[in-house]
Amino acid sequence: MTDDPMVTNAPARHSWFPASACDSSCLSTSSCAAGRVRRSWRVIALLTTVAVAVTLGVLVPLLPRSARAGYVRWMAVLLLASIGIRVRVRHSELSAGDRRAAGAGLIVANHISFLDILAIATVSPARFVAKAELTRWPVIGTLTRRLGVIPIRRESLRDLPSVISDAVDGLRAGDNVGLFPEGTTRCGRGGGRFRPAIFQAAVETGVPVQPLVVSFHTPDGAISPVAAFIGTDNIADTMGRVLRAKGLTVHVRLCEPQWPGSDRRELADRCERIVFGEPSLIGLSSDIPAAMVS
């Protein structure tokens, strides 16, 4: 067993411990296209953007809620653009006055990478329930703490009640709360079961649930596994592949919002079918401004 907080795989500590079927065999063996100059530029751009984000982040808690959300969206776009990732969003046709149109409530999505949080933040900033190790990672740990991540120790079932309580408190305070119900990452070509426990937060508060689908793509539109955090990957492995990739795009698809009902298991199953089945999508595609892409 490793004590390195940046290593993704750890032995299961209970029968419900989430495990991914994906490993290094899921990764593409094709050569990466970005040259040394582009990779160097991306590293410089990333470090500069992180420095700005951390510096300005001290003032963010003092801003009104709408200004804080705008800051998080903009910084998420900048951080992804700095490493060469364009964001493409599918917008749902909902009434401008509908609370669900702003993504308010519980946000649930499939899970591929630690970069998913940034991709989703470009659409709907949220306090994400994420593994506790994330908050200890260099650089990313600082950013996740600024984003108000709710840490969960996946090996400890005893932590679940307090995590659900934190999620409930966030939802009642008017924050978006996000979670990856699979509990682990996959390569993007398939999905796992949605664990129902934290859906209880939506049931208790009655807020809508916004299912999202996150996927990374090559320039020709094919699913790309380079951003995945799987197998024996650590943060350097994943970031190295991303920095070497050329023309990587992350798609964020908004599905039809769901009212929670009274059964968290039914709600989890319903959202799982939406995310991994045929999402109920209405509307047009749009790109985050191309000028933001390296």
C-alpha atoms as a PDB file:
ATOM      1  CA  MET A   1       0.000   0.000   0.000  1.00  0.00           C
ATOM      2  CA  THR A   2       1.308   3.481  -0.865  1.00  0.00           C
ATOM      3  CA  ASP A   3       1.168   6.593   1.293  1.00  0.00           C
ATOM      4  CA  ASP A   4       1.469   8.890  -1.721  1.00  0.00           C
ATOM      5  CA  PRO A   5      -1.727  11.004  -1.792  1.00  0.00           C
ATOM      6  CA  MET A   6      -1.348  11.497  -5.535  1.00  0.00           C
ATOM      7  CA  VAL A   7      -1.752   7.836  -6.406  1.00  0.00           C
ATOM      8  CA  THR A   8      -5.279   6.997  -7.481  1.00  0.00           C
ATOM      9  CA  ASN A   9      -5.659   3.339  -6.628  1.00  0.00           C
ATOM     10  CA  ALA A  10      -5.825   2.094  -3.030  1.00  0.00           C
ATOM     11  CA  PRO A  11      -6.927  -1.259  -1.700  1.00  0.00           C
ATOM     12  CA  ALA A  12     -10.608  -1.555  -0.852  1.00  0.00           C
ATOM     13  CA  ARG A  13     -11.216  -1.172   2.869  1.00  0.00           C
ATOM     14  CA  HIS A  14     -14.865  -2.239   2.888  1.00  0.00           C
ATOM     15  CA  SER A  15     -17.176  -4.177   0.607  1.00  0.00           C
ATOM     16  CA  TRP A  16     -18.705  -0.995  -0.838  1.00  0.00           C
ATOM     17  CA  PHE A  17     -15.377   0.674  -1.614  1.00  0.00           C
ATOM     18  CA  PRO A  18     -15.648   2.027  -5.200  1.00  0.00           C
ATOM     19  CA  ALA A  19     -13.381   0.358  -7.747  1.00  0.00           C
ATOM     20  CA  SER A  20     -12.809   1.132 -11.417  1.00  0.00           C
ATOM     21  CA  ALA A  21     -12.453  -1.461 -14.141  1.00  0.00           C
ATOM     22  CA  CYS A  22     -10.190   0.921 -16.093  1.00  0.00           C
ATOM     23  CA  ASP A  23      -6.399   0.685 -16.062  1.00  0.00           C
ATOM     24  CA  SER A  24      -3.458   1.589 -18.294  1.00  0.00           C
ATOM     25  CA  SER A  25      -4.790  -0.678 -21.048  1.00  0.00           C
ATOM     26  CA  CYS A  26      -7.526   1.920 -21.641  1.00  0.00           C
ATOM     27  CA  LEU A  27      -4.980   4.569 -22.599  1.00  0.00           C
ATOM     28  CA  SER A  28      -4.179   5.373 -26.189  1.00  0.00           C
ATOM     29  CA  THR A  29      -0.804   4.255 -27.473  1.00  0.00           C
ATOM     30  CA  SER A  30      -0.799   6.833 -30.266  1.00  0.00           C
ATOM     31  CA  SER A  31       1.944   9.430 -30.266  1.00  0.00           C
ATOM     32  CA  CYS A  32       1.211  12.869 -28.795  1.00  0.00           C
ATOM     33  CA  ALA A  33       1.237  15.808 -31.179  1.00  0.00           C
ATOM     34  CA  ALA A  34       2.185  18.893 -29.143  1.00  0.00           C
ATOM     35  CA  GLY A  35       5.802  19.950 -29.499  1.00  0.00           C
ATOM     36  CA  ARG A  36       8.272  20.937 -26.801  1.00  0.00           C
ATOM     37  CA  VAL A  37       7.716  24.685 -27.260  1.00  0.00           C
ATOM     38  CA  ARG A  38       3.944  24.314 -26.904  1.00  0.00           C
ATOM     39  CA  ARG A  39       4.339  22.124 -23.830  1.00  0.00           C
ATOM     40  CA  SER A  40       6.702  24.646 -22.244  1.00  0.00           C
ATOM     41  CA  TRP A  41       4.300  27.477 -22.976  1.00  0.00           C
ATOM     42  CA  ARG A  42       1.463  25.546 -21.375  1.00  0.00           C
ATOM     43  CA  VAL A  43       3.463  24.944 -18.199  1.00  0.00           C
ATOM     44  CA  ILE A  44       4.258  28.662 -17.946  1.00  0.00           C
ATOM     45  CA  ALA A  45       0.624  29.594 -18.648  1.00  0.00           C
ATOM     46  CA  LEU A  46      -0.620  27.099 -16.046  1.00  0.00           C
ATOM     47  CA  LEU A  47       1.736  28.295 -13.308  1.00  0.00           C
ATOM     48  CA  THR A  48       0.868  31.932 -14.048  1.00  0.00           C
ATOM     49  CA  THR A  49      -2.869  31.238 -13.989  1.00  0.00           C
ATOM     50  CA  VAL A  50      -2.596  29.266 -10.749  1.00  0.00           C
ATOM     51  CA  ALA A  51      -0.638  32.110  -9.138  1.00  0.00           C
ATOM     52  CA  VAL A  52      -3.329  34.606 -10.163  1.00  0.00           C
ATOM     53  CA  ALA A  53      -6.125  32.279  -9.014  1.00  0.00           C
ATOM     54  CA  VAL A  54      -4.558  31.734  -5.590  1.00  0.00           C
ATOM     55  CA  THR A  55      -3.785  35.423  -5.117  1.00  0.00           C
ATOM     56  CA  LEU A  56      -7.241  36.677  -6.092  1.00  0.00           C
ATOM     57  CA  GLY A  57      -8.890  33.767  -4.326  1.00  0.00           C
ATOM     58  CA  VAL A  58      -8.153  35.414  -0.971  1.00  0.00           C
ATOM     59  CA  LEU A  59     -10.644  38.157  -1.840  1.00  0.00           C
ATOM     60  CA  VAL A  60     -13.330  35.937  -3.367  1.00  0.00           C
ATOM     61  CA  PRO A  61     -15.143  35.088  -0.095  1.00  0.00           C
ATOM     62  CA  LEU A  62     -15.793  38.820   0.340  1.00  0.00           C
ATOM     63  CA  LEU A  63     -17.680  39.065  -2.961  1.00  0.00           C
ATOM     64  CA  PRO A  64     -21.446  38.626  -3.496  1.00  0.00           C
ATOM     65  CA  ARG A  65     -22.534  35.094  -4.472  1.00  0.00           C
ATOM     66  CA  SER A  66     -23.041  35.982  -8.166  1.00  0.00           C
ATOM     67  CA  ALA A  67     -19.590  37.593  -8.369  1.00  0.00           C
ATOM     68  CA  ARG A  68     -17.985  34.551  -6.725  1.00  0.00           C
ATOM     69  CA  ALA A  69     -19.645  32.263  -9.260  1.00  0.00           C
ATOM     70  CA  GLY A  70     -18.470  34.454 -12.114  1.00  0.00           C
ATOM     71  CA  TYR A  71     -14.909  34.406 -10.794  1.00  0.00           C
ATOM     72  CA  VAL A  72     -14.906  30.607 -10.493  1.00  0.00           C
ATOM     73  CA  ARG A  73     -16.292  30.184 -14.041  1.00  0.00           C
ATOM     74  CA  TRP A  74     -13.681  32.501 -15.502  1.00  0.00           C
ATOM     75  CA  MET A  75     -10.774  30.940 -13.640  1.00  0.00           C
ATOM     76  CA  ALA A  76     -11.910  27.443 -14.633  1.00  0.00           C
ATOM     77  CA  VAL A  77     -11.907  28.494 -18.287  1.00  0.00           C
ATOM     78  CA  LEU A  78      -8.448  30.062 -17.919  1.00  0.00           C
ATOM     79  CA  LEU A  79      -6.977  27.035 -16.157  1.00  0.00           C
ATOM     80  CA  LEU A  80      -8.253  24.603 -18.782  1.00  0.00           C
ATOM     81  CA  ALA A  81      -7.191  26.907 -21.613  1.00  0.00           C
ATOM     82  CA  SER A  82      -3.698  27.199 -20.120  1.00  0.00           C
ATOM     83  CA  ILE A  83      -3.179  23.442 -20.607  1.00  0.00           C
ATOM     84  CA  GLY A  84      -4.691  23.450 -24.082  1.00  0.00           C
ATOM     85  CA  ILE A  85      -8.231  22.251 -23.366  1.00  0.00           C
ATOM     86  CA  ARG A  86     -11.185  23.878 -25.106  1.00  0.00           C
ATOM     87  CA  VAL A  87     -14.605  23.643 -23.433  1.00  0.00           C
ATOM     88  CA  ARG A  88     -17.727  22.856 -25.429  1.00  0.00           C
ATOM     89  CA  VAL A  89     -21.140  23.058 -23.766  1.00  0.00           C
ATOM     90  CA  ARG A  90     -24.604  21.841 -24.661  1.00  0.00           C
ATOM     91  CA  HIS A  91     -27.223  24.220 -23.282  1.00  0.00           C
ATOM     92  CA  SER A  92     -30.636  23.037 -22.149  1.00  0.00           C
ATOM     93  CA  GLU A  93     -33.659  25.056 -23.272  1.00  0.00           C
ATOM     94  CA  LEU A  94     -35.163  26.097 -19.961  1.00  0.00           C
ATOM     95  CA  SER A  95     -37.049  29.190 -18.928  1.00  0.00           C
ATOM     96  CA  ALA A  96     -34.733  32.039 -17.981  1.00  0.00           C
ATOM     97  CA  GLY A  97     -36.665  32.383 -14.731  1.00  0.00           C
ATOM     98  CA  ASP A  98     -36.478  28.702 -13.849  1.00  0.00           C
ATOM     99  CA  ARG A  99     -34.171  28.080 -10.857  1.00  0.00           C
ATOM    100  CA  ARG A 100     -32.958  24.936 -12.569  1.00  0.00           C
ATOM    101  CA  ALA A 101     -31.652  26.912 -15.548  1.00  0.00           C
ATOM    102  CA  ALA A 102     -28.813  28.232 -13.394  1.00  0.00           C
ATOM    103  CA  GLY A 103     -27.889  24.721 -12.361  1.00  0.00           C
ATOM    104  CA  ALA A 104     -28.928  25.446  -8.780  1.00  0.00           C
ATOM    105  CA  GLY A 105     -29.151  22.341  -6.635  1.00  0.00           C
ATOM    106  CA  LEU A 106     -27.335  19.001  -6.708  1.00  0.00           C
ATOM    107  CA  ILE A 107     -25.094  18.463  -9.736  1.00  0.00           C
ATOM    108  CA  VAL A 108     -24.196  14.864 -10.632  1.00  0.00           C
ATOM    109  CA  ALA A 109     -21.867  13.678 -13.384  1.00  0.00           C
ATOM    110  CA  ASN A 110     -19.761  10.794 -14.614  1.00  0.00           C
ATOM    111  CA  HIS A 111     -16.147  10.872 -13.462  1.00  0.00           C
ATOM    112  CA  ILE A 112     -13.022  10.732 -15.636  1.00  0.00           C
ATOM    113  CA  SER A 113     -10.428  13.035 -14.143  1.00  0.00           C
ATOM    114  CA  PHE A 114      -9.679  15.604 -11.458  1.00  0.00           C
ATOM    115  CA  LEU A 115     -10.130  18.052 -14.365  1.00  0.00           C
ATOM    116  CA  ASP A 116     -13.876  17.268 -14.369  1.00  0.00           C
ATOM    117  CA  ILE A 117     -14.406  19.751 -11.526  1.00  0.00           C
ATOM    118  CA  LEU A 118     -12.916  22.557 -13.616  1.00  0.00           C
ATOM    119  CA  ALA A 119     -14.927  21.540 -16.693  1.00  0.00           C
ATOM    120  CA  ILE A 120     -18.176  21.573 -14.738  1.00  0.00           C
ATOM    121  CA  ALA A 121     -17.237  24.848 -13.025  1.00  0.00           C
ATOM    122  CA  THR A 122     -17.225  26.585 -16.431  1.00  0.00           C
ATOM    123  CA  VAL A 123     -20.966  25.876 -16.554  1.00  0.00           C
ATOM    124  CA  SER A 124     -22.099  25.663 -12.938  1.00  0.00           C
ATOM    125  CA  PRO A 125     -19.632  26.325 -10.099  1.00  0.00           C
ATOM    126  CA  ALA A 126     -20.318  24.028  -7.175  1.00  0.00           C
ATOM    127  CA  ARG A 127     -18.946  22.711  -3.919  1.00  0.00           C
ATOM    128  CA  PHE A 128     -17.912  19.214  -4.977  1.00  0.00           C
ATOM    129  CA  VAL A 129     -17.835  16.120  -2.844  1.00  0.00           C
ATOM    130  CA  ALA A 130     -14.397  14.723  -3.680  1.00  0.00           C
ATOM    131  CA  LYS A 131     -11.902  12.314  -2.193  1.00  0.00           C
ATOM    132  CA  ALA A 132      -9.985  13.793   0.701  1.00  0.00           C
ATOM    133  CA  GLU A 133      -6.613  13.061  -0.939  1.00  0.00           C
ATOM    134  CA  LEU A 134      -7.366  15.745  -3.536  1.00  0.00           C
ATOM    135  CA  THR A 135      -7.053  18.503  -0.958  1.00  0.00           C
ATOM    136  CA  ARG A 136      -3.473  17.386  -0.164  1.00  0.00           C
ATOM    137  CA  TRP A 137      -2.173  17.486  -3.736  1.00  0.00           C
ATOM    138  CA  PRO A 138       0.329  20.209  -4.690  1.00  0.00           C
ATOM    139  CA  VAL A 139      -1.336  23.198  -6.406  1.00  0.00           C
ATOM    140  CA  ILE A 140      -4.617  21.367  -7.060  1.00  0.00           C
ATOM    141  CA  GLY A 141      -5.158  20.991  -3.329  1.00  0.00           C
ATOM    142  CA  THR A 142      -5.017  24.761  -2.869  1.00  0.00           C
ATOM    143  CA  LEU A 143      -7.484  25.317  -5.704  1.00  0.00           C
ATOM    144  CA  THR A 144      -9.925  22.701  -4.458  1.00  0.00           C
ATOM    145  CA  ARG A 145      -9.934  24.249  -1.009  1.00  0.00           C
ATOM    146  CA  ARG A 146     -10.668  27.628  -2.602  1.00  0.00           C
ATOM    147  CA  LEU A 147     -13.583  25.998  -4.443  1.00  0.00           C
ATOM    148  CA  GLY A 148     -14.996  24.738  -1.149  1.00  0.00           C
ATOM    149  CA  VAL A 149     -14.606  21.033  -1.869  1.00  0.00           C
ATOM    150  CA  ILE A 150     -16.371  18.745   0.626  1.00  0.00           C
ATOM    151  CA  PRO A 151     -13.760  16.036   1.357  1.00  0.00           C
ATOM    152  CA  ILE A 152     -14.771  12.416   1.778  1.00  0.00           C
ATOM    153  CA  ARG A 153     -12.606   9.520   2.910  1.00  0.00           C
ATOM    154  CA  ARG A 154     -13.912   6.759   0.665  1.00  0.00           C
ATOM    155  CA  GLU A 155     -12.450   4.062   2.886  1.00  0.00           C
ATOM    156  CA  SER A 156     -14.562   5.206   5.841  1.00  0.00           C
ATOM    157  CA  LEU A 157     -18.311   4.562   5.811  1.00  0.00           C
ATOM    158  CA  ARG A 158     -18.503   6.437   9.111  1.00  0.00           C
ATOM    159  CA  ASP A 159     -17.763   9.688   7.245  1.00  0.00           C
ATOM    160  CA  LEU A 160     -20.892   9.455   5.082  1.00  0.00           C
ATOM    161  CA  PRO A 161     -23.379  11.019   7.534  1.00  0.00           C
ATOM    162  CA  SER A 162     -21.182  14.091   8.062  1.00  0.00           C
ATOM    163  CA  VAL A 163     -20.563  14.459   4.314  1.00  0.00           C
ATOM    164  CA  ILE A 164     -24.309  14.256   3.628  1.00  0.00           C
ATOM    165  CA  SER A 165     -24.886  16.812   6.399  1.00  0.00           C
ATOM    166  CA  ASP A 166     -22.329  19.186   4.820  1.00  0.00           C
ATOM    167  CA  ALA A 167     -24.021  18.754   1.428  1.00  0.00           C
ATOM    168  CA  VAL A 168     -27.435  19.463   2.945  1.00  0.00           C
ATOM    169  CA  ASP A 169     -26.091  22.593   4.655  1.00  0.00           C
ATOM    170  CA  GLY A 170     -24.584  23.805   1.378  1.00  0.00           C
ATOM    171  CA  LEU A 171     -27.805  23.241  -0.570  1.00  0.00           C
ATOM    172  CA  ARG A 172     -29.888  24.983   2.081  1.00  0.00           C
ATOM    173  CA  ALA A 173     -27.477  27.924   1.993  1.00  0.00           C
ATOM    174  CA  GLY A 174     -28.145  28.268  -1.735  1.00  0.00           C
ATOM    175  CA  ASP A 175     -24.865  26.762  -2.956  1.00  0.00           C
ATOM    176  CA  ASN A 176     -24.637  24.262  -5.776  1.00  0.00           C
ATOM    177  CA  VAL A 177     -23.250  20.957  -4.539  1.00  0.00           C
ATOM    178  CA  GLY A 178     -21.660  18.544  -7.001  1.00  0.00           C
ATOM    179  CA  LEU A 179     -20.789  14.885  -6.772  1.00  0.00           C
ATOM    180  CA  PHE A 180     -19.470  12.011  -8.842  1.00  0.00           C
ATOM    181  CA  PRO A 181     -21.758   9.160  -7.761  1.00  0.00           C
ATOM    182  CA  GLU A 182     -19.552   6.437  -9.276  1.00  0.00           C
ATOM    183  CA  GLY A 183     -17.065   7.177  -6.497  1.00  0.00           C
ATOM    184  CA  THR A 184     -14.083   6.569  -8.781  1.00  0.00           C
ATOM    185  CA  THR A 185     -12.708   7.557 -12.176  1.00  0.00           C
ATOM    186  CA  ARG A 186     -12.972   5.753 -15.520  1.00  0.00           C
ATOM    187  CA  CYS A 187     -11.474   6.271 -18.965  1.00  0.00           C
ATOM    188  CA  GLY A 188     -14.581   7.880 -20.474  1.00  0.00           C
ATOM    189  CA  ARG A 189     -15.716   4.979 -22.657  1.00  0.00           C
ATOM    190  CA  GLY A 190     -18.131   3.549 -20.100  1.00  0.00           C
ATOM    191  CA  GLY A 191     -19.567   4.092 -16.666  1.00  0.00           C
ATOM    192  CA  GLY A 192     -20.253   2.527 -13.309  1.00  0.00           C
ATOM    193  CA  ARG A 193     -23.148   2.377 -10.884  1.00  0.00           C
ATOM    194  CA  PHE A 194     -24.286   5.551  -9.165  1.00  0.00           C
ATOM    195  CA  ARG A 195     -24.019   5.144  -5.390  1.00  0.00           C
ATOM    196  CA  PRO A 196     -27.241   6.471  -3.812  1.00  0.00           C
ATOM    197  CA  ALA A 197     -26.063   7.658  -0.387  1.00  0.00           C
ATOM    198  CA  ILE A 198     -25.327  11.320  -1.088  1.00  0.00           C
ATOM    199  CA  PHE A 199     -28.452  11.700  -3.241  1.00  0.00           C
ATOM    200  CA  GLN A 200     -30.124  11.851   0.178  1.00  0.00           C
ATOM    201  CA  ALA A 201     -29.039  15.493   0.319  1.00  0.00           C
ATOM    202  CA  ALA A 202     -31.369  16.327  -2.586  1.00  0.00           C
ATOM    203  CA  VAL A 203     -34.201  14.265  -1.094  1.00  0.00           C
ATOM    204  CA  GLU A 204     -33.895  16.076   2.246  1.00  0.00           C
ATOM    205  CA  THR A 205     -33.758  19.569   0.757  1.00  0.00           C
ATOM    206  CA  GLY A 206     -36.087  19.046  -2.215  1.00  0.00           C
ATOM    207  CA  VAL A 207     -33.718  20.815  -4.609  1.00  0.00           C
ATOM    208  CA  PRO A 208     -33.540  19.755  -8.273  1.00  0.00           C
ATOM    209  CA  VAL A 209     -30.786  17.463  -9.509  1.00  0.00           C
ATOM    210  CA  GLN A 210     -28.845  18.464 -12.628  1.00  0.00           C
ATOM    211  CA  PRO A 211     -27.248  15.478 -14.404  1.00  0.00           C
ATOM    212  CA  LEU A 212     -24.234  16.330 -16.558  1.00  0.00           C
ATOM    213  CA  VAL A 213     -22.130  14.279 -18.950  1.00  0.00           C
ATOM    214  CA  VAL A 214     -18.402  15.054 -19.186  1.00  0.00           C
ATOM    215  CA  SER A 215     -16.289  13.689 -22.036  1.00  0.00           C
ATOM    216  CA  PHE A 216     -12.858  14.481 -23.492  1.00  0.00           C
ATOM    217  CA  HIS A 217     -12.391  14.410 -27.274  1.00  0.00           C
ATOM    218  CA  THR A 218      -9.666  14.473 -29.913  1.00  0.00           C
ATOM    219  CA  PRO A 219      -9.813  17.019 -32.764  1.00  0.00           C
ATOM    220  CA  ASP A 220     -11.738  14.524 -34.928  1.00  0.00           C
ATOM    221  CA  GLY A 221     -14.399  14.073 -32.234  1.00  0.00           C
ATOM    222  CA  ALA A 222     -13.325  10.651 -30.912  1.00  0.00           C
ATOM    223  CA  ILE A 223     -13.335   9.947 -27.174  1.00  0.00           C
ATOM    224  CA  SER A 224      -9.885  10.649 -25.752  1.00  0.00           C
ATOM    225  CA  PRO A 225      -8.595   8.876 -22.610  1.00  0.00           C
ATOM    226  CA  VAL A 226      -5.543  11.120 -22.147  1.00  0.00           C
ATOM    227  CA  ALA A 227      -7.125  13.175 -19.349  1.00  0.00           C
ATOM    228  CA  ALA A 228      -8.270  10.104 -17.428  1.00  0.00           C
ATOM    229  CA  PHE A 229      -6.948   9.441 -13.929  1.00  0.00           C
ATOM    230  CA  ILE A 230      -6.946   5.658 -13.777  1.00  0.00           C
ATOM    231  CA  GLY A 231      -4.904   2.586 -12.920  1.00  0.00           C
ATOM    232  CA  THR A 232      -1.590   3.493 -11.296  1.00  0.00           C
ATOM    233  CA  ASP A 233      -1.718   7.100 -12.520  1.00  0.00           C
ATOM    234  CA  ASN A 234      -0.578   9.943 -10.366  1.00  0.00           C
ATOM    235  CA  ILE A 235      -1.145  13.620 -11.075  1.00  0.00           C
ATOM    236  CA  ALA A 236       2.102  13.917 -13.052  1.00  0.00           C
ATOM    237  CA  ASP A 237       1.097  11.071 -15.396  1.00  0.00           C
ATOM    238  CA  THR A 238      -2.271  12.598 -16.242  1.00  0.00           C
ATOM    239  CA  MET A 239      -0.989  16.153 -16.564  1.00  0.00           C
ATOM    240  CA  GLY A 240       1.909  14.957 -18.714  1.00  0.00           C
ATOM    241  CA  ARG A 241      -0.481  13.361 -21.214  1.00  0.00           C
ATOM    242  CA  VAL A 242      -2.694  16.446 -21.259  1.00  0.00           C
ATOM    243  CA  LEU A 243       0.227  18.820 -21.780  1.00  0.00           C
ATOM    244  CA  ARG A 244       1.415  16.713 -24.729  1.00  0.00           C
ATOM    245  CA  ALA A 245      -2.023  16.424 -26.330  1.00  0.00           C
ATOM    246  CA  LYS A 246      -3.065  18.635 -29.202  1.00  0.00           C
ATOM    247  CA  GLY A 247      -6.597  19.840 -29.861  1.00  0.00           C
ATOM    248  CA  LEU A 248      -8.150  18.326 -26.725  1.00  0.00           C
ATOM    249  CA  THR A 249     -11.747  19.381 -26.061  1.00  0.00           C
ATOM    250  CA  VAL A 250     -13.901  18.659 -23.028  1.00  0.00           C
ATOM    251  CA  HIS A 251     -17.640  18.432 -23.680  1.00  0.00           C
ATOM    252  CA  VAL A 252     -20.071  19.241 -20.887  1.00  0.00           C
ATOM    253  CA  ARG A 253     -23.614  18.159 -21.702  1.00  0.00           C
ATOM    254  CA  LEU A 254     -26.546  19.339 -19.622  1.00  0.00           C
ATOM    255  CA  CYS A 255     -29.332  16.780 -19.309  1.00  0.00           C
ATOM    256  CA  GLU A 256     -32.906  17.348 -18.241  1.00  0.00           C
ATOM    257  CA  PRO A 257     -33.017  18.399 -14.550  1.00  0.00           C
ATOM    258  CA  GLN A 258     -34.716  15.939 -12.213  1.00  0.00           C
ATOM    259  CA  TRP A 259     -36.899  16.546  -9.174  1.00  0.00           C
ATOM    260  CA  PRO A 260     -35.665  14.327  -6.352  1.00  0.00           C
ATOM    261  CA  GLY A 261     -38.811  12.621  -5.087  1.00  0.00           C
ATOM    262  CA  SER A 262     -38.571  10.692  -1.824  1.00  0.00           C
ATOM    263  CA  ASP A 263     -36.392   7.689  -2.719  1.00  0.00           C
ATOM    264  CA  ARG A 264     -32.660   8.264  -3.056  1.00  0.00           C
ATOM    265  CA  ARG A 265     -32.093   4.852  -4.701  1.00  0.00           C
ATOM    266  CA  GLU A 266     -34.685   5.526  -7.368  1.00  0.00           C
ATOM    267  CA  LEU A 267     -33.198   8.986  -7.891  1.00  0.00           C
ATOM    268  CA  ALA A 268     -29.665   7.578  -8.265  1.00  0.00           C
ATOM    269  CA  ASP A 269     -30.868   4.945 -10.761  1.00  0.00           C
ATOM    270  CA  ARG A 270     -32.796   7.552 -12.727  1.00  0.00           C
ATOM    271  CA  CYS A 271     -29.782   9.874 -12.990  1.00  0.00           C
ATOM    272  CA  GLU A 272     -27.497   6.956 -13.894  1.00  0.00           C
ATOM    273  CA  ARG A 273     -29.766   6.016 -16.823  1.00  0.00           C
ATOM    274  CA  ILE A 274     -29.785   9.627 -18.017  1.00  0.00           C
ATOM    275  CA  VAL A 275     -26.001  10.065 -17.844  1.00  0.00           C
ATOM    276  CA  PHE A 276     -25.036   6.726 -19.379  1.00  0.00           C
ATOM    277  CA  GLY A 277     -28.081   6.208 -21.573  1.00  0.00           C
ATOM    278  CA  GLU A 278     -29.455   8.648 -24.103  1.00  0.00           C
ATOM    279  CA  PRO A 279     -29.377  12.037 -22.347  1.00  0.00           C
ATOM    280  CA  SER A 280     -32.421  14.233 -22.767  1.00  0.00           C
ATOM    281  CA  LEU A 281     -30.663  17.130 -24.440  1.00  0.00           C
ATOM    282  CA  ILE A 282     -32.280  20.147 -26.005  1.00  0.00           C
ATOM    283  CA  GLY A 283     -30.622  23.211 -27.466  1.00  0.00           C
ATOM    284  CA  LEU A 284     -27.505  24.304 -29.279  1.00  0.00           C
ATOM    285  CA  SER A 285     -23.808  23.715 -28.799  1.00  0.00           C
ATOM    286  CA  SER A 286     -21.482  26.552 -27.941  1.00  0.00           C
ATOM    287  CA  ASP A 287     -17.769  26.943 -27.351  1.00  0.00           C
ATOM    288  CA  ILE A 288     -16.082  28.778 -24.550  1.00  0.00           C
ATOM    289  CA  PRO A 289     -14.318  31.671 -26.374  1.00  0.00           C
ATOM    290  CA  ALA A 290     -11.602  30.353 -28.694  1.00  0.00           C
ATOM    291  CA  ALA A 291      -9.322  33.202 -27.622  1.00  0.00           C
ATOM    292  CA  MET A 292      -9.009  31.477 -24.273  1.00  0.00           C
ATOM    293  CA  VAL A 293      -7.506  28.331 -25.799  1.00  0.00           C
ATOM    294  CA  SER A 294      -3.751  27.893 -26.091  1.00  0.00           C
END
